[in-house]
N, C-alpha and C. Protein backbone atom coordinates (compact mmCIF):
# COMPACT_ATOMS: atom_id res chain seq x y z
N MET A 1 0.66 -1.52 -0.20
CA MET A 1 -0.17 0.25 0.35
C MET A 1 0.82 1.20 -0.02
N SER A 2 0.58 2.04 -1.17
CA SER A 2 1.30 3.43 -1.20
C SER A 2 0.81 4.76 0.18
N GLU A 3 2.32 5.26 0.78
CA GLU A 3 1.66 6.33 1.48
C GLU A 3 1.97 7.33 0.83
N SER A 4 2.54 7.52 -0.64
CA SER A 4 2.83 8.82 -1.11
C SER A 4 3.00 8.74 -2.58
N THR A 5 2.72 9.42 -3.41
CA THR A 5 3.14 9.40 -4.76
C THR A 5 4.44 10.77 -5.19
N VAL A 6 5.66 10.18 -5.87
CA VAL A 6 6.66 11.61 -5.81
C VAL A 6 6.80 11.16 -7.69
N THR A 7 6.44 12.85 -8.11
CA THR A 7 6.17 12.65 -9.70
C THR A 7 6.98 13.93 -9.63
N ILE A 8 8.01 14.06 -10.66
CA ILE A 8 8.90 14.74 -11.33
C ILE A 8 8.40 14.73 -12.95
N GLU A 9 8.66 15.86 -13.52
CA GLU A 9 8.90 16.20 -14.81
C GLU A 9 10.17 16.47 -15.51
N LEU A 10 10.39 15.75 -16.82
CA LEU A 10 11.33 15.46 -17.46
C LEU A 10 11.29 16.59 -18.47
N ARG A 11 11.51 17.76 -19.30
CA ARG A 11 11.40 18.14 -20.73
C ARG A 11 12.95 18.10 -21.64
N GLN A 12 12.68 17.38 -22.86
CA GLN A 12 14.24 18.15 -23.41
C GLN A 12 14.02 18.89 -24.01
N GLN A 13 15.49 19.65 -23.70
CA GLN A 13 16.10 21.19 -24.27
C GLN A 13 16.77 20.73 -25.62
N GLN A 14 17.54 20.07 -25.84
CA GLN A 14 18.22 19.05 -26.86
C GLN A 14 19.10 18.13 -26.46
N ASP A 15 19.02 17.10 -27.38
CA ASP A 15 19.70 16.27 -27.49
C ASP A 15 19.64 15.07 -26.41
N TYR A 16 20.17 15.28 -25.59
CA TYR A 16 19.99 14.40 -24.15
C TYR A 16 20.24 15.31 -22.65
N ARG A 17 19.81 16.48 -23.26
CA ARG A 17 19.65 17.30 -22.09
C ARG A 17 18.60 17.71 -21.96
N PHE A 18 17.96 17.76 -20.27
CA PHE A 18 16.64 18.12 -20.00
C PHE A 18 16.25 18.47 -18.96
N ASP A 19 15.39 19.45 -18.76
CA ASP A 19 15.36 20.38 -17.31
C ASP A 19 14.15 19.36 -16.66
N ILE A 20 14.83 18.88 -15.44
CA ILE A 20 13.54 18.39 -14.66
C ILE A 20 13.08 19.39 -13.85
N HIS A 21 12.15 19.08 -13.56
CA HIS A 21 11.16 19.59 -12.94
C HIS A 21 10.60 18.87 -11.80
N PHE A 22 10.97 19.14 -10.45
CA PHE A 22 10.56 18.42 -8.97
C PHE A 22 9.05 19.40 -8.53
N SER A 23 9.01 20.51 -8.65
CA SER A 23 7.83 20.93 -8.16
C SER A 23 7.69 22.55 -8.20
N PRO A 24 6.65 23.04 -8.44
CA PRO A 24 6.84 24.37 -9.07
C PRO A 24 7.71 25.37 -7.96
N ASP A 25 7.49 25.13 -6.77
CA ASP A 25 8.42 25.82 -5.76
C ASP A 25 9.73 25.42 -5.58
N LEU A 26 10.58 24.71 -6.38
CA LEU A 26 11.86 24.55 -6.50
C LEU A 26 12.38 24.27 -7.65
N PRO A 27 13.68 24.79 -7.59
CA PRO A 27 14.30 25.16 -9.46
C PRO A 27 14.66 23.74 -9.69
N VAL A 28 14.78 24.78 -11.31
CA VAL A 28 14.77 23.37 -12.52
C VAL A 28 16.19 22.51 -12.57
N LEU A 29 16.62 21.92 -12.51
CA LEU A 29 18.02 21.13 -12.25
C LEU A 29 17.76 20.71 -14.01
N VAL A 30 18.80 20.98 -14.11
CA VAL A 30 19.45 20.46 -15.86
C VAL A 30 19.76 19.12 -15.58
N GLY A 31 20.05 18.29 -16.14
CA GLY A 31 20.77 17.03 -16.09
C GLY A 31 20.91 16.64 -17.95
N ASP A 32 22.20 15.83 -18.00
CA ASP A 32 22.62 15.32 -19.21
C ASP A 32 23.31 14.69 -19.10
N GLU A 33 23.86 13.84 -20.12
CA GLU A 33 25.07 13.22 -20.53
C GLU A 33 26.16 13.34 -20.90
N PRO A 34 27.08 13.39 -20.35
CA PRO A 34 28.81 13.25 -20.70
C PRO A 34 29.05 12.79 -21.84
N PRO A 35 30.09 14.18 -22.94
CA PRO A 35 30.38 13.74 -23.97
C PRO A 35 30.95 12.42 -23.79
N PRO A 36 30.55 11.37 -25.01
CA PRO A 36 30.20 12.02 -26.45
C PRO A 36 28.81 11.98 -26.41
N LEU A 37 28.16 11.23 -25.75
CA LEU A 37 26.60 11.33 -26.02
C LEU A 37 25.91 12.73 -25.80
N GLY A 38 26.39 13.10 -24.62
CA GLY A 38 25.76 14.44 -24.26
C GLY A 38 26.89 15.72 -24.28
N SER A 39 26.44 16.92 -23.69
CA SER A 39 27.34 18.05 -23.72
C SER A 39 27.87 18.11 -22.26
N GLY A 40 27.58 17.47 -21.11
CA GLY A 40 27.95 17.40 -20.02
C GLY A 40 27.64 18.91 -19.49
N GLN A 41 26.04 19.30 -19.64
CA GLN A 41 25.77 20.85 -19.14
C GLN A 41 25.01 20.06 -17.87
N GLY A 42 24.81 19.13 -16.83
CA GLY A 42 24.52 18.68 -15.94
C GLY A 42 24.78 17.55 -15.46
N PRO A 43 24.43 17.03 -14.26
CA PRO A 43 24.42 15.64 -13.66
C PRO A 43 23.91 14.71 -14.72
N SER A 44 24.57 13.64 -14.84
CA SER A 44 24.29 12.75 -15.78
C SER A 44 23.07 11.72 -14.62
N PRO A 45 22.68 11.09 -15.06
CA PRO A 45 21.73 9.99 -14.31
C PRO A 45 22.11 9.47 -13.48
N VAL A 46 23.50 8.96 -13.67
CA VAL A 46 24.38 8.16 -12.79
C VAL A 46 24.90 9.27 -11.48
N GLN A 47 24.98 10.23 -11.80
CA GLN A 47 25.57 11.18 -10.61
C GLN A 47 24.52 11.46 -9.74
N LEU A 48 23.32 11.71 -10.45
CA LEU A 48 21.83 11.87 -9.90
C LEU A 48 21.81 10.81 -8.55
N LEU A 49 21.79 9.42 -9.40
CA LEU A 49 21.39 8.37 -8.70
C LEU A 49 22.58 8.82 -7.27
N CYS A 50 23.88 8.33 -7.13
CA CYS A 50 24.44 8.91 -6.59
C CYS A 50 24.40 9.71 -5.84
N ALA A 51 23.99 11.06 -5.68
CA ALA A 51 23.32 12.12 -5.11
C ALA A 51 22.12 11.92 -4.21
N ALA A 52 21.28 10.77 -5.13
CA ALA A 52 19.98 10.68 -3.98
C ALA A 52 20.70 9.71 -3.10
N VAL A 53 21.56 8.51 -3.23
CA VAL A 53 21.79 7.32 -2.22
C VAL A 53 22.72 8.26 -1.18
N GLY A 54 23.57 9.40 -1.38
CA GLY A 54 24.33 9.82 -0.90
C GLY A 54 23.68 10.60 0.44
N ASN A 55 22.23 11.62 -0.43
CA ASN A 55 21.63 12.61 0.13
C ASN A 55 20.71 12.43 1.78
N CYS A 56 20.28 10.28 0.58
CA CYS A 56 19.30 9.80 1.78
C CYS A 56 20.26 9.05 2.89
N LEU A 57 21.29 8.96 2.95
CA LEU A 57 21.95 7.77 3.80
C LEU A 57 22.31 9.05 4.68
N SER A 58 22.96 10.51 4.32
CA SER A 58 23.11 11.77 5.09
C SER A 58 22.23 11.87 6.06
N ASP A 59 20.67 11.97 5.36
CA ASP A 59 19.75 12.69 6.36
C ASP A 59 19.20 11.23 7.19
N SER A 60 19.58 10.03 6.93
CA SER A 60 19.24 9.26 7.84
C SER A 60 20.08 9.02 8.98
N LEU A 61 21.50 9.07 8.82
CA LEU A 61 22.62 8.94 9.55
C LEU A 61 22.07 10.39 10.44
N LEU A 62 21.83 11.75 10.09
CA LEU A 62 21.58 12.85 10.79
C LEU A 62 20.36 12.48 11.83
N PHE A 63 19.34 12.29 11.04
CA PHE A 63 18.09 11.99 11.74
C PHE A 63 18.28 11.16 13.13
N ALA A 64 18.69 9.89 12.46
CA ALA A 64 18.89 9.11 13.93
C ALA A 64 20.02 9.54 15.24
N LEU A 65 20.84 10.77 14.34
CA LEU A 65 21.56 10.82 15.57
C LEU A 65 21.02 12.21 16.63
N ARG A 66 20.13 13.09 15.54
CA ARG A 66 19.47 14.03 16.27
C ARG A 66 18.38 13.38 16.85
N LYS A 67 18.02 12.37 17.03
CA LYS A 67 16.81 11.58 18.10
C LYS A 67 17.72 11.27 19.50
N PHE A 68 19.44 11.42 19.35
CA PHE A 68 19.38 11.34 20.49
C PHE A 68 20.39 12.53 21.04
N LYS A 69 19.32 13.77 20.23
CA LYS A 69 19.99 14.97 20.46
C LYS A 69 21.18 15.32 20.88
N GLN A 70 22.03 14.45 19.36
CA GLN A 70 23.89 14.99 19.31
C GLN A 70 23.87 15.77 18.30
N ALA A 71 24.68 16.42 18.01
CA ALA A 71 25.38 17.22 17.10
C ALA A 71 26.36 16.59 16.17
N PRO A 72 26.53 15.59 15.07
CA PRO A 72 27.54 15.52 14.27
C PRO A 72 28.00 16.36 13.43
N GLU A 73 27.83 17.08 12.85
CA GLU A 73 27.68 18.86 12.27
C GLU A 73 29.31 19.41 12.13
N PRO A 74 29.82 19.72 10.87
CA PRO A 74 28.95 19.47 9.39
C PRO A 74 29.12 17.92 8.73
N LEU A 75 27.85 17.11 8.40
CA LEU A 75 28.64 15.68 7.71
C LEU A 75 28.87 16.01 5.85
N ARG A 76 29.54 15.20 5.68
CA ARG A 76 30.09 14.96 4.21
C ARG A 76 29.97 13.65 3.57
N CYS A 77 29.49 13.44 2.67
CA CYS A 77 28.91 12.17 2.08
C CYS A 77 29.73 12.32 0.81
N VAL A 78 30.69 11.12 0.68
CA VAL A 78 31.37 10.91 -1.05
C VAL A 78 30.58 9.46 -1.51
N VAL A 79 29.76 9.74 -2.63
CA VAL A 79 29.53 8.25 -3.09
C VAL A 79 30.47 7.90 -4.86
N ARG A 80 30.50 6.48 -4.57
CA ARG A 80 31.63 6.33 -6.03
C ARG A 80 30.63 5.18 -6.74
N ALA A 81 30.23 5.05 -7.46
CA ALA A 81 29.46 4.26 -8.46
C ALA A 81 30.66 3.61 -9.59
N GLU A 82 30.59 2.22 -9.60
CA GLU A 82 31.44 1.74 -10.57
C GLU A 82 30.37 1.15 -11.29
N VAL A 83 30.82 1.85 -12.75
CA VAL A 83 29.97 1.61 -14.10
C VAL A 83 30.90 0.70 -14.69
N GLY A 84 29.93 -0.44 -15.37
CA GLY A 84 31.12 -1.65 -16.35
C GLY A 84 29.69 -2.27 -17.34
N ARG A 85 30.06 -3.28 -17.83
CA ARG A 85 28.89 -3.99 -18.40
C ARG A 85 29.03 -5.14 -17.76
N ASN A 86 27.53 -5.47 -18.11
CA ASN A 86 26.76 -7.02 -17.50
C ASN A 86 27.05 -7.55 -18.37
N ALA A 87 26.24 -8.89 -18.18
CA ALA A 87 26.72 -10.18 -19.01
C ALA A 87 26.24 -9.98 -20.59
N GLU A 88 25.31 -9.47 -20.94
CA GLU A 88 24.57 -8.61 -22.36
C GLU A 88 25.37 -7.53 -22.67
N ASN A 89 26.73 -7.16 -21.53
CA ASN A 89 27.48 -6.31 -22.66
C ASN A 89 26.51 -4.78 -22.55
N ARG A 90 25.81 -3.99 -21.49
CA ARG A 90 25.18 -3.31 -21.31
C ARG A 90 25.92 -2.39 -19.95
N LEU A 91 26.07 -1.22 -20.16
CA LEU A 91 26.14 -0.08 -19.12
C LEU A 91 25.22 -0.23 -17.78
N ARG A 92 25.70 -0.78 -16.71
CA ARG A 92 25.17 -0.70 -15.49
C ARG A 92 25.88 0.00 -14.36
N VAL A 93 25.36 0.37 -13.40
CA VAL A 93 25.76 0.62 -12.22
C VAL A 93 26.30 -0.90 -11.45
N LEU A 94 27.55 -1.05 -11.36
CA LEU A 94 27.34 -2.79 -10.71
C LEU A 94 27.80 -2.30 -9.26
N ARG A 95 28.06 -1.68 -8.69
CA ARG A 95 27.80 -1.21 -7.15
C ARG A 95 28.51 0.27 -6.79
N MET A 96 27.82 0.45 -5.52
CA MET A 96 28.39 1.82 -4.83
C MET A 96 28.85 1.57 -3.77
N ASP A 97 29.60 2.85 -3.28
CA ASP A 97 30.34 2.76 -2.48
C ASP A 97 30.23 4.37 -1.66
N ALA A 98 29.77 4.15 -0.37
CA ALA A 98 29.34 5.23 0.32
C ALA A 98 29.96 5.75 1.44
N ASP A 99 30.66 6.47 1.24
CA ASP A 99 31.71 7.10 2.47
C ASP A 99 30.76 8.89 3.37
N LEU A 100 30.53 8.25 4.60
CA LEU A 100 30.24 9.39 5.44
C LEU A 100 31.32 9.40 6.14
N HIS A 101 31.23 11.14 6.61
CA HIS A 101 32.18 11.84 7.21
C HIS A 101 31.07 12.31 8.57
N LEU A 102 31.80 12.25 9.68
CA LEU A 102 31.31 12.81 10.46
C LEU A 102 31.85 14.20 10.92
N GLY A 103 31.58 15.63 11.25
CA GLY A 103 32.07 16.55 11.69
C GLY A 103 32.92 16.83 12.93
N VAL A 104 32.56 15.97 13.59
CA VAL A 104 33.15 15.54 15.18
C VAL A 104 33.77 13.98 15.53
N PRO A 105 34.47 14.19 16.47
CA PRO A 105 34.91 12.86 17.13
C PRO A 105 33.87 12.25 17.61
N ALA A 106 34.29 10.52 17.36
CA ALA A 106 33.25 9.30 17.63
C ALA A 106 32.69 9.78 18.97
N ALA A 107 33.89 10.16 20.01
CA ALA A 107 33.96 10.37 21.57
C ALA A 107 33.08 11.76 21.96
N ALA A 108 32.72 12.32 20.74
CA ALA A 108 31.94 13.54 21.16
C ALA A 108 30.29 13.09 21.09
N LEU A 109 30.11 11.45 20.64
CA LEU A 109 28.55 11.45 20.58
C LEU A 109 28.36 10.26 21.39
N GLU A 110 27.39 10.46 21.85
CA GLU A 110 26.34 9.48 22.44
C GLU A 110 25.69 8.80 22.17
N HIS A 111 25.59 7.33 22.23
CA HIS A 111 24.43 6.59 21.55
C HIS A 111 25.24 5.98 19.87
N LEU A 112 26.44 6.40 19.71
CA LEU A 112 26.58 6.08 18.26
C LEU A 112 26.80 4.48 17.61
N ASP A 113 26.80 4.07 18.36
CA ASP A 113 27.15 2.31 18.44
C ASP A 113 25.57 2.12 17.91
N ARG A 114 24.68 2.62 18.73
CA ARG A 114 22.75 2.34 18.24
C ARG A 114 22.84 2.91 17.02
N VAL A 115 23.28 4.29 16.86
CA VAL A 115 22.96 4.55 15.40
C VAL A 115 23.33 4.14 14.22
N LEU A 116 24.59 3.38 14.51
CA LEU A 116 25.63 2.90 13.65
C LEU A 116 24.93 1.67 13.13
N ALA A 117 24.06 1.09 13.88
CA ALA A 117 23.59 -0.19 13.61
C ALA A 117 22.63 -0.47 12.84
N SER A 118 21.72 0.87 13.09
CA SER A 118 20.13 0.87 12.06
C SER A 118 19.97 1.93 11.41
N PHE A 119 20.65 3.27 11.15
CA PHE A 119 20.41 4.39 10.49
C PHE A 119 20.71 3.91 8.51
N GLU A 120 20.91 2.83 8.07
CA GLU A 120 20.56 2.65 7.23
C GLU A 120 19.59 1.76 6.72
N ALA A 121 19.33 1.37 7.55
CA ALA A 121 17.61 0.49 7.64
C ALA A 121 16.70 1.28 7.49
N TYR A 122 17.10 2.82 8.02
CA TYR A 122 15.55 3.84 7.74
C TYR A 122 15.87 4.79 6.23
N CYS A 123 16.67 4.20 5.80
CA CYS A 123 17.20 5.10 4.30
C CYS A 123 16.21 4.64 3.27
N THR A 124 15.55 4.89 2.82
CA THR A 124 14.67 5.00 1.69
C THR A 124 15.11 4.32 0.05
N VAL A 125 15.71 5.23 0.15
CA VAL A 125 16.52 4.96 -1.34
C VAL A 125 17.27 4.08 -1.46
N THR A 126 18.50 4.53 -0.53
CA THR A 126 19.16 3.36 -0.39
C THR A 126 18.75 1.79 0.09
N GLN A 127 17.93 1.54 0.62
CA GLN A 127 17.47 0.16 0.66
C GLN A 127 16.79 0.07 -0.14
N SER A 128 15.66 1.09 -1.51
CA SER A 128 15.42 0.76 -2.49
C SER A 128 16.20 0.43 -3.76
N VAL A 129 17.29 1.18 -4.05
CA VAL A 129 18.41 1.18 -4.88
C VAL A 129 18.87 -0.06 -4.61
N GLY A 130 19.15 -0.62 -3.19
CA GLY A 130 20.38 -1.39 -2.63
C GLY A 130 19.77 -2.84 -2.93
N GLN A 131 18.29 -3.16 -3.26
CA GLN A 131 18.00 -4.55 -3.68
C GLN A 131 18.55 -5.01 -5.01
N GLY A 132 18.58 -4.02 -5.70
CA GLY A 132 19.23 -4.07 -7.33
C GLY A 132 20.63 -4.10 -7.49
N ILE A 133 21.68 -3.19 -6.54
CA ILE A 133 22.80 -2.68 -6.85
C ILE A 133 23.42 -2.87 -5.11
N ALA A 134 24.51 -3.12 -5.33
CA ALA A 134 25.23 -3.42 -4.08
C ALA A 134 25.68 -2.14 -3.68
N ILE A 135 25.49 -1.94 -2.13
CA ILE A 135 25.92 -0.47 -1.63
C ILE A 135 26.19 -0.75 -0.44
N HIS A 136 27.74 -0.19 -0.51
CA HIS A 136 28.63 -0.39 0.53
C HIS A 136 28.67 0.80 1.89
N THR A 137 28.73 1.13 2.71
CA THR A 137 28.72 2.18 3.45
C THR A 137 29.30 1.91 4.32
N ARG A 138 30.41 3.22 4.49
CA ARG A 138 31.45 3.39 5.27
C ARG A 138 30.96 4.50 6.34
N VAL A 139 31.33 4.84 7.59
CA VAL A 139 31.56 6.25 8.23
C VAL A 139 32.57 6.07 9.13
N TRP A 140 32.95 7.61 8.98
CA TRP A 140 33.82 7.79 9.33
C TRP A 140 33.66 9.10 10.33
N ASP A 141 34.72 9.23 11.67
CA ASP A 141 34.41 10.18 12.36
C ASP A 141 36.03 11.03 11.91
N ALA A 142 35.72 12.84 13.01
CA ALA A 142 36.46 13.90 12.44
C ALA A 142 37.80 13.57 12.44
N THR A 143 38.62 12.80 13.30
CA THR A 143 39.91 12.23 13.32
C THR A 143 40.18 11.31 12.41
N GLY A 144 39.05 10.86 11.73
CA GLY A 144 39.95 10.21 10.52
C GLY A 144 39.77 8.18 10.59
N ARG A 145 38.83 8.03 11.76
CA ARG A 145 38.79 7.01 12.09
C ARG A 145 37.70 6.17 11.71
N VAL A 146 37.63 5.07 11.36
CA VAL A 146 36.57 4.37 10.37
C VAL A 146 35.78 3.50 11.82
N LEU A 147 34.33 4.01 11.61
CA LEU A 147 33.51 3.50 12.68
C LEU A 147 32.58 2.53 12.33
N LYS A 148 32.28 2.70 10.98
CA LYS A 148 31.67 1.21 10.65
C LYS A 148 31.94 1.29 8.78
N GLY A 149 31.88 -0.13 8.69
CA GLY A 149 32.28 -0.46 7.03
C GLY A 149 33.29 -1.39 7.46
């Protein structure tokens, strides 16, 4: 049973460049394929996928920490997508790696073990995409210590 429906509209500008309309209240985003297919005047669909996964993971981690009244800011997330050929020789996103960086040392945050054990399960986009693409998530604190992953 659906709880909500999200609708966006894409309008072709030229070749592989599209205006992406999210809602009347949000700015239009231009998406484009990189050369030689497109002209690279906006993020590619793979970059947008990476952004969606990274944004959702960051939101989920922040939400989970704030539930315990913790301040991990500023957060940073780097997402890499490995693009390659599948068995049918078609380009696909084969895997994704997401590195989340807390803005503070782990010692400054309470309940961190509990948060790290559960925050990914609440990430709508990552859990959905992860059903078809392997996503590996790591979390680092401000000192460079790997906390998860």
